[in-house]
Structure formats: structure tokens, C-alpha cells
PDB file of all heavy atoms in Angstrom:
ATOM      1  N   ARG A   1       1.100  -5.758  -5.150  1.00  0.00           N
ATOM      2  CA  ARG A   1       0.906  -6.069  -6.571  1.00  0.00           C
ATOM      3  C   ARG A   1       2.172  -6.717  -7.108  1.00  0.00           C
ATOM      4  O   ARG A   1       3.263  -6.519  -6.592  1.00  0.00           O
ATOM      5  CB  ARG A   1       0.540  -4.826  -7.376  1.00  0.00           C
ATOM      6  CG  ARG A   1       1.644  -3.798  -7.542  1.00  0.00           C
ATOM      7  CD  ARG A   1       1.126  -2.579  -8.271  1.00  0.00           C
ATOM      8  NE  ARG A   1       2.139  -1.531  -8.349  1.00  0.00           N
ATOM      9  CZ  ARG A   1       1.878  -0.268  -8.604  1.00  0.00           C
ATOM     10  NH1 ARG A   1       0.604   0.120  -8.808  1.00  0.00           N
ATOM     11  NH2 ARG A   1       2.845   0.629  -8.668  1.00  0.00           N
ATOM     12  N   GLN A   2       1.973  -7.456  -8.181  1.00  0.00           N
ATOM     13  CA  GLN A   2       3.101  -8.171  -8.776  1.00  0.00           C
ATOM     14  C   GLN A   2       2.928  -8.230 -10.280  1.00  0.00           C
ATOM     15  O   GLN A   2       1.822  -8.433 -10.785  1.00  0.00           O
ATOM     16  CB  GLN A   2       3.208  -9.579  -8.197  1.00  0.00           C
ATOM     17  CG  GLN A   2       4.479 -10.306  -8.568  1.00  0.00           C
ATOM     18  CD  GLN A   2       4.705 -11.540  -7.730  1.00  0.00           C
ATOM     19  OE1 GLN A   2       3.769 -12.131  -7.191  1.00  0.00           O
ATOM     20  NE2 GLN A   2       5.968 -11.944  -7.591  1.00  0.00           N
ATOM     21  N   VAL A   3       4.032  -8.044 -10.979  1.00  0.00           N
ATOM     22  CA  VAL A   3       4.069  -8.231 -12.429  1.00  0.00           C
ATOM     23  C   VAL A   3       5.061  -9.345 -12.714  1.00  0.00           C
ATOM     24  O   VAL A   3       5.981  -9.591 -11.927  1.00  0.00           O
ATOM     25  CB  VAL A   3       4.448  -6.942 -13.171  1.00  0.00           C
ATOM     26  CG1 VAL A   3       3.383  -5.877 -12.941  1.00  0.00           C
ATOM     27  CG2 VAL A   3       5.808  -6.434 -12.734  1.00  0.00           C
ATOM     28  N   PRO A   4       4.910 -10.030 -13.840  1.00  0.00           N
ATOM     29  CA  PRO A   4       5.812 -11.147 -14.154  1.00  0.00           C
ATOM     30  C   PRO A   4       7.267 -10.717 -14.149  1.00  0.00           C
ATOM     31  O   PRO A   4       7.623  -9.659 -14.694  1.00  0.00           O
ATOM     32  CB  PRO A   4       5.354 -11.571 -15.555  1.00  0.00           C
ATOM     33  CG  PRO A   4       3.923 -11.186 -15.606  1.00  0.00           C
ATOM     34  CD  PRO A   4       3.826  -9.911 -14.834  1.00  0.00           C
ATOM     35  N   GLY A   5       8.088 -11.518 -13.500  1.00  0.00           N
ATOM     36  CA  GLY A   5       9.516 -11.247 -13.479  1.00  0.00           C
ATOM     37  C   GLY A   5       9.967 -10.281 -12.409  1.00  0.00           C
ATOM     38  O   GLY A   5      11.165 -10.005 -12.285  1.00  0.00           O
ATOM     39  N   LYS A   6       9.023  -9.761 -11.637  1.00  0.00           N
ATOM     40  CA  LYS A   6       9.379  -8.812 -10.576  1.00  0.00           C
ATOM     41  C   LYS A   6       8.885  -9.314  -9.227  1.00  0.00           C
ATOM     42  O   LYS A   6       7.973 -10.126  -9.144  1.00  0.00           O
ATOM     43  CB  LYS A   6       8.795  -7.432 -10.877  1.00  0.00           C
ATOM     44  CG  LYS A   6       9.404  -6.750 -12.083  1.00  0.00           C
ATOM     45  CD  LYS A   6       8.960  -5.298 -12.174  1.00  0.00           C
ATOM     46  CE  LYS A   6       9.642  -4.590 -13.321  1.00  0.00           C
ATOM     47  NZ  LYS A   6       9.245  -3.163 -13.404  1.00  0.00           N
ATOM     48  N   GLU A   7       9.488  -8.783  -8.174  1.00  0.00           N
ATOM     49  CA  GLU A   7       9.059  -9.135  -6.828  1.00  0.00           C
ATOM     50  C   GLU A   7       7.714  -8.490  -6.491  1.00  0.00           C
ATOM     51  O   GLU A   7       7.339  -7.473  -7.075  1.00  0.00           O
ATOM     52  CB  GLU A   7      10.116  -8.685  -5.813  1.00  0.00           C
ATOM     53  CG  GLU A   7      11.431  -9.435  -5.930  1.00  0.00           C
ATOM     54  CD  GLU A   7      12.415  -9.061  -4.847  1.00  0.00           C
ATOM     55  OE1 GLU A   7      12.124  -8.127  -4.078  1.00  0.00           O
ATOM     56  OE2 GLU A   7      13.480  -9.695  -4.769  1.00  0.00           O
ATOM     57  N   ARG A   8       7.059  -9.101  -5.544  1.00  0.00           N
ATOM     58  CA  ARG A   8       5.793  -8.551  -5.078  1.00  0.00           C
ATOM     59  C   ARG A   8       6.050  -7.213  -4.381  1.00  0.00           C
ATOM     60  O   ARG A   8       6.909  -7.117  -3.500  1.00  0.00           O
ATOM     61  CB  ARG A   8       5.127  -9.544  -4.131  1.00  0.00           C
ATOM     62  CG  ARG A   8       3.680  -9.315  -3.885  1.00  0.00           C
ATOM     63  CD  ARG A   8       3.027 -10.530  -3.264  1.00  0.00           C
ATOM     64  NE  ARG A   8       2.929 -11.637  -4.228  1.00  0.00           N
ATOM     65  CZ  ARG A   8       2.206 -12.737  -4.006  1.00  0.00           C
ATOM     66  NH1 ARG A   8       1.545 -12.876  -2.866  1.00  0.00           N
ATOM     67  NH2 ARG A   8       2.175 -13.699  -4.904  1.00  0.00           N
ATOM     68  N   GLU A   9       5.312  -6.194  -4.778  1.00  0.00           N
ATOM     69  CA  GLU A   9       5.528  -4.823  -4.307  1.00  0.00           C
ATOM     70  C   GLU A   9       4.442  -4.417  -3.311  1.00  0.00           C
ATOM     71  O   GLU A   9       3.247  -4.549  -3.616  1.00  0.00           O
ATOM     72  CB  GLU A   9       5.507  -3.859  -5.499  1.00  0.00           C
ATOM     73  CG  GLU A   9       5.598  -2.396  -5.142  1.00  0.00           C
ATOM     74  CD  GLU A   9       5.314  -1.476  -6.322  1.00  0.00           C
ATOM     75  OE1 GLU A   9       4.847  -1.967  -7.363  1.00  0.00           O
ATOM     76  OE2 GLU A   9       5.561  -0.259  -6.185  1.00  0.00           O
ATOM     77  N   GLY A  10       4.853  -3.911  -2.167  1.00  0.00           N
ATOM     78  CA  GLY A  10       3.885  -3.416  -1.196  1.00  0.00           C
ATOM     79  C   GLY A  10       3.260  -2.113  -1.668  1.00  0.00           C
ATOM     80  O   GLY A  10       3.978  -1.176  -2.013  1.00  0.00           O
ATOM     81  N   ILE A  11       1.940  -2.048  -1.679  1.00  0.00           N
ATOM     82  CA  ILE A  11       1.202  -0.864  -2.102  1.00  0.00           C
ATOM     83  C   ILE A  11       0.710  -0.076  -0.901  1.00  0.00           C
ATOM     84  O   ILE A  11       0.831   1.148  -0.843  1.00  0.00           O
ATOM     85  CB  ILE A  11       0.011  -1.264  -2.981  1.00  0.00           C
ATOM     86  CG1 ILE A  11       0.487  -1.958  -4.239  1.00  0.00           C
ATOM     87  CG2 ILE A  11      -0.853  -0.055  -3.320  1.00  0.00           C
ATOM     88  CD1 ILE A  11       1.394  -1.086  -5.088  1.00  0.00           C
ATOM     89  N   SER A  12       0.132  -0.789   0.043  1.00  0.00           N
ATOM     90  CA  SER A  12      -0.434  -0.107   1.198  1.00  0.00           C
ATOM     91  C   SER A  12      -0.616  -1.103   2.332  1.00  0.00           C
ATOM     92  O   SER A  12      -0.711  -2.315   2.105  1.00  0.00           O
ATOM     93  CB  SER A  12      -1.793   0.512   0.839  1.00  0.00           C
ATOM     94  OG  SER A  12      -2.366   1.166   1.953  1.00  0.00           O
ATOM     95  N   CYS A  13      -0.659  -0.580   3.541  1.00  0.00           N
ATOM     96  CA  CYS A  13      -1.038  -1.380   4.696  1.00  0.00           C
ATOM     97  C   CYS A  13      -1.979  -0.552   5.548  1.00  0.00           C
ATOM     98  O   CYS A  13      -1.677   0.614   5.858  1.00  0.00           O
ATOM     99  CB  CYS A  13       0.183  -1.812   5.498  1.00  0.00           C
ATOM    100  SG  CYS A  13      -0.202  -3.008   6.801  1.00  0.00           S
ATOM    101  N   MET A  14      -3.093  -1.154   5.911  1.00  0.00           N
ATOM    102  CA  MET A  14      -4.134  -0.474   6.675  1.00  0.00           C
ATOM    103  C   MET A  14      -4.225  -1.101   8.057  1.00  0.00           C
ATOM    104  O   MET A  14      -4.579  -2.273   8.198  1.00  0.00           O
ATOM    105  CB  MET A  14      -5.474  -0.612   5.943  1.00  0.00           C
ATOM    106  CG  MET A  14      -6.660  -0.004   6.657  1.00  0.00           C
ATOM    107  SD  MET A  14      -8.169  -0.129   5.676  1.00  0.00           S
ATOM    108  CE  MET A  14      -8.358  -1.896   5.561  1.00  0.00           C
ATOM    109  N   SER A  15      -3.902  -0.330   9.067  1.00  0.00           N
ATOM    110  CA  SER A  15      -4.029  -0.815  10.440  1.00  0.00           C
ATOM    111  C   SER A  15      -5.508  -0.921  10.827  1.00  0.00           C
ATOM    112  O   SER A  15      -6.391  -0.454  10.098  1.00  0.00           O
ATOM    113  CB  SER A  15      -3.324   0.144  11.397  1.00  0.00           C
ATOM    114  OG  SER A  15      -1.950   0.229  11.113  1.00  0.00           O
ATOM    115  N   SER A  16      -5.769  -1.520  11.961  1.00  0.00           N
ATOM    116  CA  SER A  16      -7.144  -1.639  12.440  1.00  0.00           C
ATOM    117  C   SER A  16      -7.729  -0.252  12.697  1.00  0.00           C
ATOM    118  O   SER A  16      -6.993   0.738  12.815  1.00  0.00           O
ATOM    119  CB  SER A  16      -7.186  -2.478  13.700  1.00  0.00           C
ATOM    120  OG  SER A  16      -6.420  -1.859  14.708  1.00  0.00           O
ATOM    121  N   SER A  17      -9.035  -0.195  12.791  1.00  0.00           N
ATOM    122  CA  SER A  17      -9.719   1.096  12.922  1.00  0.00           C
ATOM    123  C   SER A  17      -9.293   1.848  14.173  1.00  0.00           C
ATOM    124  O   SER A  17      -9.153   3.075  14.149  1.00  0.00           O
ATOM    125  CB  SER A  17     -11.232   0.876  12.952  1.00  0.00           C
ATOM    126  OG  SER A  17     -11.670   0.289  11.759  1.00  0.00           O
ATOM    127  N   ASP A  18      -9.051   1.140  15.267  1.00  0.00           N
ATOM    128  CA  ASP A  18      -8.698   1.826  16.507  1.00  0.00           C
ATOM    129  C   ASP A  18      -7.289   2.416  16.462  1.00  0.00           C
ATOM    130  O   ASP A  18      -6.988   3.349  17.203  1.00  0.00           O
ATOM    131  CB  ASP A  18      -8.847   0.886  17.707  1.00  0.00           C
ATOM    132  CG  ASP A  18      -7.988  -0.344  17.584  1.00  0.00           C
ATOM    133  OD1 ASP A  18      -7.662  -0.728  16.442  1.00  0.00           O
ATOM    134  OD2 ASP A  18      -7.640  -0.939  18.623  1.00  0.00           O
ATOM    135  N   ILE A  19      -6.438   1.933  15.583  1.00  0.00           N
ATOM    136  CA  ILE A  19      -5.092   2.493  15.424  1.00  0.00           C
ATOM    137  C   ILE A  19      -5.110   3.581  14.366  1.00  0.00           C
ATOM    138  O   ILE A  19      -4.554   4.664  14.552  1.00  0.00           O
ATOM    139  CB  ILE A  19      -4.078   1.395  15.074  1.00  0.00           C
ATOM    140  CG1 ILE A  19      -3.925   0.441  16.259  1.00  0.00           C
ATOM    141  CG2 ILE A  19      -2.748   2.003  14.659  1.00  0.00           C
ATOM    142  CD1 ILE A  19      -3.016  -0.722  16.003  1.00  0.00           C
ATOM    143  N   GLY A  20      -5.722   3.284  13.233  1.00  0.00           N
ATOM    144  CA  GLY A  20      -5.951   4.303  12.219  1.00  0.00           C
ATOM    145  C   GLY A  20      -4.737   4.790  11.467  1.00  0.00           C
ATOM    146  O   GLY A  20      -4.765   5.869  10.878  1.00  0.00           O
ATOM    147  N   ILE A  21      -3.665   4.024  11.445  1.00  0.00           N
ATOM    148  CA  ILE A  21      -2.459   4.423  10.708  1.00  0.00           C
ATOM    149  C   ILE A  21      -2.355   3.569   9.446  1.00  0.00           C
ATOM    150  O   ILE A  21      -2.394   2.343   9.513  1.00  0.00           O
ATOM    151  CB  ILE A  21      -1.195   4.258  11.564  1.00  0.00           C
ATOM    152  CG1 ILE A  21      -1.250   5.218  12.755  1.00  0.00           C
ATOM    153  CG2 ILE A  21       0.054   4.522  10.720  1.00  0.00           C
ATOM    154  CD1 ILE A  21      -0.106   5.043  13.719  1.00  0.00           C
ATOM    155  N   ASN A  22      -2.232   4.238   8.316  1.00  0.00           N
ATOM    156  CA  ASN A  22      -2.096   3.548   7.035  1.00  0.00           C
ATOM    157  C   ASN A  22      -0.804   3.987   6.362  1.00  0.00           C
ATOM    158  O   ASN A  22      -0.370   5.129   6.509  1.00  0.00           O
ATOM    159  CB  ASN A  22      -3.276   3.873   6.126  1.00  0.00           C
ATOM    160  CG  ASN A  22      -4.610   3.553   6.764  1.00  0.00           C
ATOM    161  OD1 ASN A  22      -4.739   2.568   7.494  1.00  0.00           O
ATOM    162  ND2 ASN A  22      -5.609   4.385   6.508  1.00  0.00           N
ATOM    163  N   TRP A  23      -0.219   3.077   5.593  1.00  0.00           N
ATOM    164  CA  TRP A  23       1.005   3.367   4.861  1.00  0.00           C
ATOM    165  C   TRP A  23       0.777   3.156   3.373  1.00  0.00           C
ATOM    166  O   TRP A  23       0.020   2.269   2.982  1.00  0.00           O
ATOM    167  CB  TRP A  23       2.135   2.462   5.339  1.00  0.00           C
ATOM    168  CG  TRP A  23       2.441   2.618   6.794  1.00  0.00           C
ATOM    169  CD1 TRP A  23       2.048   1.811   7.814  1.00  0.00           C
ATOM    170  CD2 TRP A  23       3.202   3.678   7.396  1.00  0.00           C
ATOM    171  NE1 TRP A  23       2.522   2.288   9.014  1.00  0.00           N
ATOM    172  CE2 TRP A  23       3.234   3.437   8.783  1.00  0.00           C
ATOM    173  CE3 TRP A  23       3.864   4.795   6.896  1.00  0.00           C
ATOM    174  CZ2 TRP A  23       3.895   4.272   9.667  1.00  0.00           C
ATOM    175  CZ3 TRP A  23       4.529   5.626   7.778  1.00  0.00           C
ATOM    176  CH2 TRP A  23       4.540   5.360   9.143  1.00  0.00           C
ATOM    177  N   TYR A  24       1.462   3.968   2.575  1.00  0.00           N
ATOM    178  CA  TYR A  24       1.358   3.869   1.128  1.00  0.00           C
ATOM    179  C   TYR A  24       2.742   3.917   0.502  1.00  0.00           C
ATOM    180  O   TYR A  24       3.614   4.660   0.963  1.00  0.00           O
ATOM    181  CB  TYR A  24       0.529   5.015   0.558  1.00  0.00           C
ATOM    182  CG  TYR A  24      -0.918   5.024   1.001  1.00  0.00           C
ATOM    183  CD1 TYR A  24      -1.322   5.744   2.118  1.00  0.00           C
ATOM    184  CD2 TYR A  24      -1.882   4.318   0.286  1.00  0.00           C
ATOM    185  CE1 TYR A  24      -2.647   5.762   2.526  1.00  0.00           C
ATOM    186  CE2 TYR A  24      -3.218   4.322   0.684  1.00  0.00           C
ATOM    187  CZ  TYR A  24      -3.587   5.042   1.804  1.00  0.00           C
ATOM    188  OH  TYR A  24      -4.902   5.057   2.205  1.00  0.00           O
ATOM    189  N   ALA A  25       2.889   3.166  -0.582  1.00  0.00           N
ATOM    190  CA  ALA A  25       4.103   3.295  -1.376  1.00  0.00           C
ATOM    191  C   ALA A  25       4.133   4.661  -2.053  1.00  0.00           C
ATOM    192  O   ALA A  25       3.089   5.213  -2.412  1.00  0.00           O
ATOM    193  CB  ALA A  25       4.148   2.187  -2.435  1.00  0.00           C
ATOM    194  N   GLY A  26       5.340   5.174  -2.246  1.00  0.00           N
ATOM    195  CA  GLY A  26       5.469   6.472  -2.881  1.00  0.00           C
ATOM    196  C   GLY A  26       4.857   6.527  -4.269  1.00  0.00           C
ATOM    197  O   GLY A  26       4.366   7.570  -4.703  1.00  0.00           O
ATOM    198  N   SER A  27       4.879   5.408  -4.971  1.00  0.00           N
ATOM    199  CA  SER A  27       4.371   5.366  -6.340  1.00  0.00           C
ATOM    200  C   SER A  27       2.853   5.527  -6.431  1.00  0.00           C
ATOM    201  O   SER A  27       2.327   5.836  -7.506  1.00  0.00           O
ATOM    202  CB  SER A  27       4.777   4.049  -7.003  1.00  0.00           C
ATOM    203  OG  SER A  27       4.261   2.945  -6.263  1.00  0.00           O
ATOM    204  N   VAL A  28       2.141   5.322  -5.304  1.00  0.00           N
ATOM    205  CA  VAL A  28       0.676   5.394  -5.346  1.00  0.00           C
ATOM    206  C   VAL A  28       0.113   6.450  -4.396  1.00  0.00           C
ATOM    207  O   VAL A  28      -1.093   6.720  -4.423  1.00  0.00           O
ATOM    208  CB  VAL A  28       0.035   4.030  -5.008  1.00  0.00           C
ATOM    209  CG1 VAL A  28       0.589   2.946  -5.928  1.00  0.00           C
ATOM    210  CG2 VAL A  28       0.222   3.662  -3.554  1.00  0.00           C
ATOM    211  N   ARG A  29       0.974   7.039  -3.573  1.00  0.00           N
ATOM    212  CA  ARG A  29       0.483   8.004  -2.576  1.00  0.00           C
ATOM    213  C   ARG A  29      -0.198   9.174  -3.272  1.00  0.00           C
ATOM    214  O   ARG A  29       0.315   9.723  -4.235  1.00  0.00           O
ATOM    215  CB  ARG A  29       1.631   8.494  -1.714  1.00  0.00           C
ATOM    216  CG  ARG A  29       1.189   9.273  -0.474  1.00  0.00           C
ATOM    217  CD  ARG A  29       2.392   9.621   0.403  1.00  0.00           C
ATOM    218  NE  ARG A  29       3.017   8.426   0.941  1.00  0.00           N
ATOM    219  CZ  ARG A  29       4.288   8.103   0.690  1.00  0.00           C
ATOM    220  NH1 ARG A  29       5.034   8.869  -0.065  1.00  0.00           N
ATOM    221  NH2 ARG A  29       4.792   7.009   1.225  1.00  0.00           N
ATOM    222  N   GLY A  30      -1.374   9.532  -2.781  1.00  0.00           N
ATOM    223  CA  GLY A  30      -2.161  10.599  -3.376  1.00  0.00           C
ATOM    224  C   GLY A  30      -3.114  10.125  -4.459  1.00  0.00           C
ATOM    225  O   GLY A  30      -4.016  10.870  -4.856  1.00  0.00           O
ATOM    226  N   ARG A  31      -2.934   8.901  -4.930  1.00  0.00           N
ATOM    227  CA  ARG A  31      -3.827   8.337  -5.955  1.00  0.00           C
ATOM    228  C   ARG A  31      -4.651   7.175  -5.408  1.00  0.00           C
ATOM    229  O   ARG A  31      -5.793   6.972  -5.810  1.00  0.00           O
ATOM    230  CB  ARG A  31      -3.020   7.842  -7.156  1.00  0.00           C
ATOM    231  CG  ARG A  31      -2.200   8.916  -7.840  1.00  0.00           C
ATOM    232  CD  ARG A  31      -1.586   8.395  -9.144  1.00  0.00           C
ATOM    233  NE  ARG A  31      -0.639   7.316  -8.910  1.00  0.00           N
ATOM    234  CZ  ARG A  31      -0.730   6.112  -9.486  1.00  0.00           C
ATOM    235  NH1 ARG A  31      -1.738   5.829 -10.288  1.00  0.00           N
ATOM    236  NH2 ARG A  31       0.183   5.189  -9.232  1.00  0.00           N
ATOM    237  N   PHE A  32      -4.067   6.401  -4.525  1.00  0.00           N
ATOM    238  CA  PHE A  32      -4.736   5.236  -3.948  1.00  0.00           C
ATOM    239  C   PHE A  32      -5.106   5.530  -2.495  1.00  0.00           C
ATOM    240  O   PHE A  32      -4.396   6.266  -1.792  1.00  0.00           O
ATOM    241  CB  PHE A  32      -3.822   4.014  -3.968  1.00  0.00           C
ATOM    242  CG  PHE A  32      -3.530   3.435  -5.333  1.00  0.00           C
ATOM    243  CD1 PHE A  32      -3.824   4.127  -6.495  1.00  0.00           C
ATOM    244  CD2 PHE A  32      -2.939   2.188  -5.436  1.00  0.00           C
ATOM    245  CE1 PHE A  32      -3.542   3.587  -7.741  1.00  0.00           C
ATOM    246  CE2 PHE A  32      -2.651   1.631  -6.671  1.00  0.00           C
ATOM    247  CZ  PHE A  32      -2.951   2.333  -7.829  1.00  0.00           C
ATOM    248  N   SER A  33      -6.190   4.920  -2.039  1.00  0.00           N
ATOM    249  CA  SER A  33      -6.573   5.030  -0.632  1.00  0.00           C
ATOM    250  C   SER A  33      -7.221   3.730  -0.179  1.00  0.00           C
ATOM    251  O   SER A  33      -7.814   3.009  -0.978  1.00  0.00           O
ATOM    252  CB  SER A  33      -7.523   6.209  -0.415  1.00  0.00           C
ATOM    253  OG  SER A  33      -8.725   6.018  -1.124  1.00  0.00           O
ATOM    254  N   VAL A  34      -7.073   3.447   1.108  1.00  0.00           N
ATOM    255  CA  VAL A  34      -7.625   2.223   1.673  1.00  0.00           C
ATOM    256  C   VAL A  34      -8.708   2.566   2.690  1.00  0.00           C
ATOM    257  O   VAL A  34      -8.703   3.639   3.295  1.00  0.00           O
ATOM    258  CB  VAL A  34      -6.535   1.358   2.339  1.00  0.00           C
ATOM    259  CG1 VAL A  34      -5.579   0.805   1.293  1.00  0.00           C
ATOM    260  CG2 VAL A  34      -5.769   2.157   3.403  1.00  0.00           C
TER     261      VAL A  34
END
């Protein structure tokens, strides 16, 4: 996500189904899911 004047912020990354590892930013962990 990005807001004006700020750098693009990583929210999450979802690996392929066979790997099954996902990452979340601390600011959204527990609220967002992929």
C-alpha cells in the first residue's frame, strides 16, 4: 500500500500453495489475511 508522500509499504506476501508460508507486516498482523 502507498499513501501520498510515503514509500510503498509491504503488507503481505503469499507463497505458492505448496510452500504455504505467508508474511505480514506488524501493522496488519492479526487483522489482515491472504
